[in-house]
Amino acid sequence: MEIIAIQPLVALVAGILILIVPRLLNIIVAVYLIVVGLMGLFPGLINLSGGG
């Protein structure tokens, strides 16, 4: 599964959680920015190809 296919699902879950518990917005945004930043700095950090 590619990261592109996971992003809409993560966005949907995050949106629902924010509607239920608005205080989660800060945590969700912070985690998202950290993950996107790490993926941008280290593109090979997450190897989803399964190859050795």
N, C-alpha and C. Protein backbone atom coordinates (compact mmCIF):
# COMPACT_ATOMS: atom_id res chain seq x y z
N MET A 1 0.85 -1.18 0.00
CA MET A 1 0.00 0.00 0.00
C MET A 1 0.89 1.24 0.00
N GLU A 2 0.54 2.21 -0.76
CA GLU A 2 1.35 3.41 -0.88
C GLU A 2 0.90 4.46 0.13
N ILE A 3 1.80 5.37 0.44
CA ILE A 3 1.49 6.47 1.36
C ILE A 3 0.32 7.29 0.81
N ILE A 4 0.28 7.47 -0.49
CA ILE A 4 -0.77 8.27 -1.11
C ILE A 4 -2.14 7.67 -0.82
N ALA A 5 -2.23 6.35 -0.76
CA ALA A 5 -3.51 5.69 -0.49
C ALA A 5 -3.89 5.78 0.98
N ILE A 6 -2.90 5.98 1.86
CA ILE A 6 -3.18 6.04 3.29
C ILE A 6 -3.62 7.44 3.72
N GLN A 7 -3.14 8.47 3.06
CA GLN A 7 -3.40 9.84 3.48
C GLN A 7 -4.89 10.19 3.57
N PRO A 8 -5.73 9.83 2.58
CA PRO A 8 -7.15 10.16 2.72
C PRO A 8 -7.81 9.48 3.92
N LEU A 9 -7.41 8.25 4.20
CA LEU A 9 -7.96 7.54 5.35
C LEU A 9 -7.54 8.21 6.66
N VAL A 10 -6.28 8.60 6.76
CA VAL A 10 -5.80 9.29 7.96
C VAL A 10 -6.52 10.63 8.11
N ALA A 11 -6.72 11.34 7.03
CA ALA A 11 -7.41 12.63 7.08
C ALA A 11 -8.85 12.46 7.54
N LEU A 12 -9.51 11.42 7.07
CA LEU A 12 -10.89 11.17 7.46
C LEU A 12 -10.99 10.85 8.95
N VAL A 13 -10.13 9.96 9.43
CA VAL A 13 -10.14 9.59 10.85
C VAL A 13 -9.81 10.81 11.71
N ALA A 14 -8.82 11.59 11.32
CA ALA A 14 -8.44 12.78 12.08
C ALA A 14 -9.60 13.78 12.12
N GLY A 15 -10.27 13.97 11.01
CA GLY A 15 -11.41 14.89 10.97
C GLY A 15 -12.52 14.46 11.91
N ILE A 16 -12.82 13.18 11.94
CA ILE A 16 -13.87 12.67 12.83
C ILE A 16 -13.46 12.86 14.30
N LEU A 17 -12.20 12.54 14.61
CA LEU A 17 -11.72 12.71 15.98
C LEU A 17 -11.75 14.17 16.41
N ILE A 18 -11.42 15.08 15.50
CA ILE A 18 -11.45 16.51 15.83
C ILE A 18 -12.87 16.97 16.10
N LEU A 19 -13.84 16.44 15.35
CA LEU A 19 -15.23 16.80 15.60
C LEU A 19 -15.69 16.29 16.97
N ILE A 20 -15.24 15.10 17.34
CA ILE A 20 -15.66 14.51 18.61
C ILE A 20 -14.93 15.17 19.78
N VAL A 21 -13.61 15.31 19.66
CA VAL A 21 -12.79 15.86 20.74
C VAL A 21 -11.93 16.98 20.16
N PRO A 22 -12.42 18.22 20.19
CA PRO A 22 -11.68 19.32 19.55
C PRO A 22 -10.28 19.55 20.12
N ARG A 23 -10.01 19.15 21.36
CA ARG A 23 -8.68 19.35 21.94
C ARG A 23 -7.63 18.50 21.24
N LEU A 24 -8.06 17.46 20.53
CA LEU A 24 -7.10 16.62 19.81
C LEU A 24 -6.48 17.34 18.61
N LEU A 25 -7.05 18.46 18.23
CA LEU A 25 -6.57 19.17 17.03
C LEU A 25 -5.08 19.49 17.14
N ASN A 26 -4.65 20.02 18.28
CA ASN A 26 -3.24 20.38 18.44
C ASN A 26 -2.34 19.16 18.31
N ILE A 27 -2.72 18.06 18.94
CA ILE A 27 -1.91 16.86 18.91
C ILE A 27 -1.86 16.27 17.50
N ILE A 28 -3.01 16.19 16.86
CA ILE A 28 -3.09 15.61 15.52
C ILE A 28 -2.27 16.43 14.53
N VAL A 29 -2.39 17.75 14.59
CA VAL A 29 -1.64 18.61 13.68
C VAL A 29 -0.14 18.47 13.94
N ALA A 30 0.26 18.45 15.21
CA ALA A 30 1.68 18.33 15.54
C ALA A 30 2.24 17.00 15.03
N VAL A 31 1.55 15.91 15.27
CA VAL A 31 2.02 14.60 14.82
C VAL A 31 2.10 14.56 13.30
N TYR A 32 1.07 15.09 12.63
CA TYR A 32 1.07 15.11 11.17
C TYR A 32 2.27 15.88 10.62
N LEU A 33 2.51 17.06 11.19
CA LEU A 33 3.63 17.87 10.71
C LEU A 33 4.97 17.19 10.95
N ILE A 34 5.12 16.54 12.09
CA ILE A 34 6.37 15.82 12.37
C ILE A 34 6.56 14.68 11.39
N VAL A 35 5.51 13.91 11.13
CA VAL A 35 5.62 12.77 10.21
C VAL A 35 5.93 13.25 8.79
N VAL A 36 5.22 14.27 8.33
CA VAL A 36 5.45 14.78 6.98
C VAL A 36 6.86 15.37 6.87
N GLY A 37 7.31 16.07 7.92
CA GLY A 37 8.66 16.63 7.91
C GLY A 37 9.72 15.55 7.84
N LEU A 38 9.56 14.49 8.64
CA LEU A 38 10.52 13.40 8.63
C LEU A 38 10.54 12.69 7.27
N MET A 39 9.36 12.50 6.69
CA MET A 39 9.29 11.84 5.38
C MET A 39 9.93 12.72 4.31
N GLY A 40 9.83 14.04 4.46
CA GLY A 40 10.45 14.95 3.51
C GLY A 40 11.97 14.97 3.64
N LEU A 41 12.46 14.93 4.88
CA LEU A 41 13.90 14.97 5.11
C LEU A 41 14.57 13.63 4.81
N PHE A 42 13.88 12.56 5.13
CA PHE A 42 14.44 11.21 4.96
C PHE A 42 13.48 10.36 4.11
N PRO A 43 13.47 10.55 2.80
CA PRO A 43 12.51 9.83 1.95
C PRO A 43 12.65 8.31 2.02
N GLY A 44 13.83 7.79 2.35
CA GLY A 44 14.02 6.36 2.44
C GLY A 44 13.75 5.80 3.83
N LEU A 45 13.29 6.65 4.75
CA LEU A 45 13.07 6.24 6.13
C LEU A 45 12.00 5.15 6.23
N ILE A 46 10.94 5.32 5.47
CA ILE A 46 9.85 4.34 5.49
C ILE A 46 9.92 3.54 4.20
N ASN A 47 10.26 2.27 4.32
CA ASN A 47 10.38 1.40 3.14
C ASN A 47 9.16 0.50 3.08
N LEU A 48 8.23 0.85 2.20
CA LEU A 48 7.00 0.07 2.08
C LEU A 48 7.05 -0.92 0.92
N SER A 49 8.18 -0.98 0.22
CA SER A 49 8.25 -1.87 -0.94
C SER A 49 8.36 -3.34 -0.52
N GLY A 50 8.83 -3.59 0.69
CA GLY A 50 8.95 -4.97 1.17
C GLY A 50 10.16 -5.69 0.64
N GLY A 51 10.92 -5.03 -0.20
CA GLY A 51 12.11 -5.67 -0.75
C GLY A 51 13.28 -5.60 0.22
N GLY A 52 14.22 -6.56 0.12
CA GLY A 52 15.34 -6.58 1.04
C GLY A 52 16.48 -5.92 0.44
